[in-house]
Protein backbone atom coordinates (compact mmCIF):
# COMPACT_ATOMS: atom_id res chain seq x y z
CA UNK A 1 5.02 -12.15 -17.61
CA UNK A 2 5.23 -11.06 -21.27
CA UNK A 3 3.77 -7.57 -21.62
CA UNK A 4 7.21 -5.99 -21.81
CA UNK A 5 8.14 -8.12 -24.87
CA UNK A 6 4.81 -7.36 -26.56
CA UNK A 7 5.00 -3.60 -25.98
CA UNK A 8 8.69 -3.40 -26.95
CA UNK A 9 8.12 -5.33 -30.17
CA UNK A 10 5.00 -3.34 -31.14
CA UNK A 11 6.85 -0.07 -30.50
CA UNK A 12 9.57 -1.22 -32.93
CA UNK A 13 7.09 -2.36 -35.56
CA UNK A 14 5.27 0.96 -35.28
CA UNK A 15 8.51 2.62 -36.44
CA UNK A 16 8.68 0.18 -39.38
CA UNK A 17 12.18 -0.97 -38.48
CA UNK A 18 12.88 -4.67 -37.95
CA UNK A 19 16.05 -3.98 -35.93
CA UNK A 20 14.25 -1.63 -33.57
CA UNK A 21 11.56 -4.30 -33.18
CA UNK A 22 14.19 -6.86 -32.23
CA UNK A 23 15.77 -4.38 -29.82
CA UNK A 24 12.31 -3.69 -28.38
CA UNK A 25 11.72 -7.37 -27.83
CA UNK A 26 15.05 -7.76 -26.02
CA UNK A 27 14.47 -4.71 -23.82
CA UNK A 28 10.91 -5.89 -23.12
CA UNK A 29 12.22 -9.29 -22.13
CA UNK A 30 14.64 -7.71 -19.66
CA UNK A 31 11.76 -5.64 -18.25
CA UNK A 32 9.66 -8.82 -17.82
CA UNK A 33 12.49 -10.62 -16.04
CA UNK A 34 12.98 -7.68 -13.68
CA UNK A 35 9.25 -7.38 -13.12
CA UNK A 36 8.83 -11.06 -12.31
CA UNK A 37 11.65 -10.95 -9.76
CA UNK A 38 10.39 -7.77 -8.16
CA UNK A 39 6.83 -8.98 -8.07
CA UNK A 40 7.82 -12.15 -6.23
CA UNK A 41 9.56 -10.06 -3.60
CA UNK A 42 6.67 -7.58 -3.60
CA UNK A 43 4.21 -10.37 -2.84
CA UNK A 44 6.48 -11.95 -0.26
CA UNK A 45 6.70 -8.63 1.59
CA UNK A 46 2.92 -8.43 1.60
CA UNK A 47 1.70 -5.49 3.64
CA UNK A 48 4.82 -5.48 5.78
CA UNK A 49 6.49 -2.05 5.93
CA UNK A 50 9.46 -0.84 7.94
CA UNK A 51 9.08 1.75 10.62
CA UNK A 52 9.83 5.16 9.16
CA UNK A 53 11.15 8.41 10.63
CA UNK A 54 8.94 11.49 11.11
CA UNK A 55 10.91 13.29 8.38
CA UNK A 56 10.18 10.45 5.97
CA UNK A 57 6.49 10.35 6.92
CA UNK A 58 6.01 14.10 6.71
CA UNK A 59 7.58 14.27 3.22
CA UNK A 60 5.58 11.23 2.10
CA UNK A 61 2.18 12.60 3.09
CA UNK A 62 2.97 16.09 1.86
CA UNK A 63 3.87 14.65 -1.54
CA UNK A 64 0.68 12.55 -1.46
CA UNK A 65 -1.40 15.62 -0.80
CA UNK A 66 0.35 17.57 -3.55
CA UNK A 67 -0.16 14.81 -6.12
CA UNK A 68 -3.76 14.21 -5.08
CA UNK A 69 -4.65 17.89 -5.41
CA UNK A 70 -2.74 18.64 -8.64
CA UNK A 71 -5.78 17.83 -10.83
CA UNK A 72 -7.93 20.19 -8.75
CA UNK A 73 -9.81 17.64 -6.65
CA UNK A 74 -8.82 15.03 -4.08
CA UNK A 75 -10.96 11.94 -4.67
CA UNK A 76 -12.46 9.68 -2.02
CA UNK A 77 -10.39 6.82 -3.39
CA UNK A 78 -7.16 8.79 -2.81
CA UNK A 79 -8.21 9.73 0.73
CA UNK A 80 -9.07 6.08 1.47
CA UNK A 81 -5.73 4.90 0.07
CA UNK A 82 -3.82 7.52 2.10
CA UNK A 83 -5.63 6.34 5.25
CA UNK A 84 -4.66 2.76 4.44
CA UNK A 85 -0.98 3.76 4.18
CA UNK A 86 -1.26 5.42 7.61
CA UNK A 87 -2.59 2.12 9.00
CA UNK A 88 0.12 0.09 7.34
CA UNK A 89 2.81 2.32 8.76
CA UNK A 90 1.31 1.61 12.18
CA UNK A 91 0.75 5.28 12.99
CA UNK A 92 -0.83 5.93 16.36
CA UNK A 93 -3.79 8.39 16.64
CA UNK A 94 -1.54 11.41 17.27
CA UNK A 95 0.69 10.48 14.30
CA UNK A 96 -2.38 10.01 12.10
CA UNK A 97 -3.50 13.56 12.97
CA UNK A 98 -0.07 14.85 12.02
CA UNK A 99 -0.13 12.86 8.80
CA UNK A 100 -3.46 14.43 7.85
CA UNK A 101 -1.92 17.84 8.57
CA UNK A 102 1.02 17.04 6.31
CA UNK A 103 -1.32 15.81 3.59
CA UNK A 104 -3.27 19.09 3.78
CA UNK A 105 -0.02 21.11 3.74
CA UNK A 106 1.02 19.40 0.49
CA UNK A 107 -2.28 20.46 -1.12
CA UNK A 108 -1.55 24.15 -0.58
CA UNK A 109 -0.50 26.40 -3.47
CA UNK A 110 3.21 27.06 -3.49
CA UNK A 111 4.23 23.77 -1.87
CA UNK A 112 7.90 23.27 -2.73
CA UNK A 113 7.81 19.67 -3.95
CA UNK A 114 11.30 19.52 -5.54
CA UNK A 115 13.00 21.04 -2.50
CA UNK A 116 11.17 18.56 -0.24
CA UNK A 117 12.26 15.59 -2.36
CA UNK A 118 15.85 16.77 -2.28
CA UNK A 119 15.62 16.74 1.48
CA UNK A 120 14.31 13.16 1.33
CA UNK A 121 17.20 12.17 -0.94
CA UNK A 122 19.72 13.65 1.50
CA UNK A 123 18.15 11.77 4.42
CA UNK A 124 17.92 8.51 2.44
CA UNK A 125 21.15 8.93 0.51
CA UNK A 126 22.45 5.51 1.52
CA UNK A 127 19.14 3.63 1.33
CA UNK A 128 17.77 2.93 -2.13
CA UNK A 129 15.20 0.70 -0.43
CA UNK A 130 13.76 3.64 1.49
CA UNK A 131 13.49 5.69 -1.69
CA UNK A 132 11.71 2.79 -3.46
CA UNK A 133 9.31 2.43 -0.50
CA UNK A 134 8.58 6.17 -0.71
CA UNK A 135 7.69 6.00 -4.42
CA UNK A 136 5.78 2.75 -4.00
CA UNK A 137 3.54 4.24 -1.28
CA UNK A 138 2.98 7.39 -3.35
CA UNK A 139 1.90 5.29 -6.30
CA UNK A 140 -0.50 3.29 -4.16
CA UNK A 141 -2.41 6.48 -3.43
CA UNK A 142 -2.11 8.10 -6.88
CA UNK A 143 -3.14 4.87 -8.64
CA UNK A 144 -6.24 4.54 -6.47
CA UNK A 145 -7.82 6.36 -9.39
CA UNK A 146 -8.35 4.47 -12.63
CA UNK A 147 -6.53 6.97 -14.82
CA UNK A 148 -3.57 9.30 -14.40
CA UNK A 149 -3.48 12.67 -16.07
CA UNK A 150 -0.44 13.98 -17.92
CA UNK A 151 0.43 16.50 -15.20
CA UNK A 152 0.27 13.77 -12.55
CA UNK A 153 2.67 11.55 -14.52
CA UNK A 154 5.02 14.50 -15.01
CA UNK A 155 5.11 15.12 -11.25
CA UNK A 156 5.67 11.48 -10.45
CA UNK A 157 8.61 11.40 -12.84
CA UNK A 158 9.97 14.61 -11.28
CA UNK A 159 9.84 12.93 -7.86
CA UNK A 160 11.59 9.82 -9.21
CA UNK A 161 14.30 11.94 -10.82
CA UNK A 162 15.01 13.61 -7.50
CA UNK A 163 15.04 10.26 -5.69
CA UNK A 164 17.18 8.60 -8.34
CA UNK A 165 14.51 6.08 -9.39
CA UNK A 166 14.78 5.15 -13.06
CA UNK A 167 12.01 4.81 -15.64
CA UNK A 168 12.21 1.00 -15.76
CA UNK A 169 12.00 0.75 -12.00
CA UNK A 170 9.08 3.16 -11.90
CA UNK A 171 7.29 1.21 -14.65
CA UNK A 172 7.80 -2.03 -12.69
CA UNK A 173 6.43 -0.50 -9.45
CA UNK A 174 3.38 0.81 -11.30
CA UNK A 175 2.79 -2.55 -13.01
CA UNK A 176 2.96 -4.38 -9.70
CA UNK A 177 0.50 -2.05 -8.03
CA UNK A 178 -1.87 -2.28 -10.97
CA UNK A 179 -1.57 -6.09 -10.88
CA UNK A 180 -2.65 -6.05 -7.26
CA UNK A 181 -5.56 -3.77 -8.12
CA UNK A 182 -6.60 -6.22 -10.84
CA UNK A 183 -6.56 -9.05 -8.32
CA UNK A 184 -8.76 -7.11 -5.95
CA UNK A 185 -11.35 -6.67 -8.71
CA UNK A 186 -11.33 -10.36 -9.70
CA UNK A 187 -13.63 -13.03 -8.22
CA UNK A 188 -10.70 -14.20 -6.02
CA UNK A 189 -10.18 -10.60 -4.94
CA UNK A 190 -13.90 -10.25 -4.12
CA UNK A 191 -13.72 -13.41 -1.96
CA UNK A 192 -10.64 -12.02 -0.27
CA UNK A 193 -12.41 -8.71 0.44
CA UNK A 194 -15.32 -10.59 2.00
CA UNK A 195 -12.96 -12.42 4.33
CA UNK A 196 -11.37 -9.14 5.38
CA UNK A 197 -14.79 -7.57 6.10
CA UNK A 198 -15.75 -10.65 8.09
CA UNK A 199 -12.53 -10.30 10.09
CA UNK A 200 -13.39 -6.67 11.04
CA UNK A 201 -16.86 -7.76 11.97
CA UNK A 202 -15.55 -10.58 14.15
CA UNK A 203 -13.51 -8.07 16.12
CA UNK A 204 -16.34 -5.53 16.20
CA UNK A 205 -14.29 -2.75 14.64
CA UNK A 206 -14.56 -0.82 11.38
CA UNK A 207 -11.94 -0.78 8.58
CA UNK A 208 -11.17 2.82 9.60
CA UNK A 209 -10.13 1.73 13.11
CA UNK A 210 -6.50 2.38 14.04
CA UNK A 211 -4.05 -0.45 14.66
CA UNK A 212 -4.20 0.27 18.40
CA UNK A 213 -7.99 -0.01 18.31
CA UNK A 214 -7.79 -3.35 16.45
CA UNK A 215 -5.31 -4.70 19.07
CA UNK A 216 -7.45 -3.52 21.97
CA UNK A 217 -10.54 -5.14 20.47
CA UNK A 218 -8.67 -8.41 20.03
CA UNK A 219 -7.39 -8.45 23.60
CA UNK A 220 -10.75 -7.54 25.03
CA UNK A 221 -12.52 -10.30 23.13
CA UNK A 222 -9.87 -12.88 23.96
CA UNK A 223 -10.16 -11.93 27.62
CA UNK A 224 -13.93 -12.17 27.47
CA UNK A 225 -14.33 -15.40 25.49
CA UNK A 226 -11.36 -17.57 26.34
CA UNK A 227 -12.60 -20.84 27.97
CA UNK A 228 -10.12 -20.42 30.84
CA UNK A 229 -11.80 -17.12 31.77
CA UNK A 230 -15.26 -18.68 32.19
CA UNK A 231 -14.30 -21.99 33.72
CA UNK A 232 -14.68 -20.66 37.28
CA UNK A 233 -18.46 -20.35 36.86
CA UNK A 234 -18.87 -24.08 36.03
CA UNK A 235 -20.40 -23.50 32.59
CA UNK A 236 -22.15 -26.19 30.61
CA UNK A 237 -20.54 -28.01 27.73
CA UNK A 238 -22.41 -25.94 25.16
CA UNK A 239 -21.19 -22.70 26.72
CA UNK A 240 -17.57 -23.93 26.68
CA UNK A 241 -17.95 -25.09 23.07
CA UNK A 242 -19.25 -21.66 22.00
CA UNK A 243 -16.42 -19.91 23.93
CA UNK A 244 -13.85 -22.08 22.14
CA UNK A 245 -15.44 -21.39 18.73
CA UNK A 246 -15.53 -17.68 19.38
CA UNK A 247 -11.91 -17.68 20.56
CA UNK A 248 -10.80 -19.38 17.36
CA UNK A 249 -12.84 -16.92 15.25
CA UNK A 250 -11.34 -13.90 17.06
CA UNK A 251 -7.79 -15.28 16.76
CA UNK A 252 -8.15 -16.03 13.03
CA UNK A 253 -9.62 -12.57 12.39
CA UNK A 254 -6.83 -10.85 14.25
CA UNK A 255 -4.09 -12.84 12.55
CA UNK A 256 -5.51 -11.86 9.14
CA UNK A 257 -5.74 -8.18 10.00
CA UNK A 258 -2.34 -8.23 11.74
CA UNK A 259 -0.72 -9.43 8.49
CA UNK A 260 -2.71 -7.02 6.25
CA UNK A 261 -2.03 -3.97 8.37
CA UNK A 262 1.48 -4.82 9.58
CA UNK A 263 0.38 -4.67 13.20
CA UNK A 264 3.32 -5.15 15.48
């Protein structure tokens, strides 16, 4: 990773000062080292997220709604990204309905964002990891759009200030999420998206299905297709072979979606 060094050096050169350019290079190098370390951990974590309290979830989705609405319009990409966060947090149908209500509450005029973030900081005072997760999930929704407006960036920084997240850490989180977005738009990302769609199709559920619905579909299909379940009817070899193939297909599909959606 070398973008930090490039940007730091260019910033110094733009000021026509060799010493500032050198300092920019050094600071950029430190950013790149931090980014590389965090990105490795970010990738290792994958889609896995810890269980969160209702206070955490309510503040998270309220802040998401507020940020999504600040430019006057909530985009379909932002709604889709918020839904994906709900799935990744393993919210059940009742919790999803509450999350949607919190999201809508955050969109309302007069929502007290700063006060809400101070409450989050008090609750998570001893857990920097929780505060980073909060900002990371917010960014995943906000960055669903291709471009951030000035007022959105100002609000994100206000949230980070209240949660004691520094500018370097914020920049690293944003860079990691944008790197993931870049992968999804690459040929490898397209192939990965196809595999995910095929996994949903194998289970007979849509990407909008809840985690509980995915689990129920998996169990139903395993119960229906497992060779042990049909052996009592003395099936032919071709029927058994098809049942075994279908069982493998269903198991592979579920394992993929289980990892992507942090299904427990």
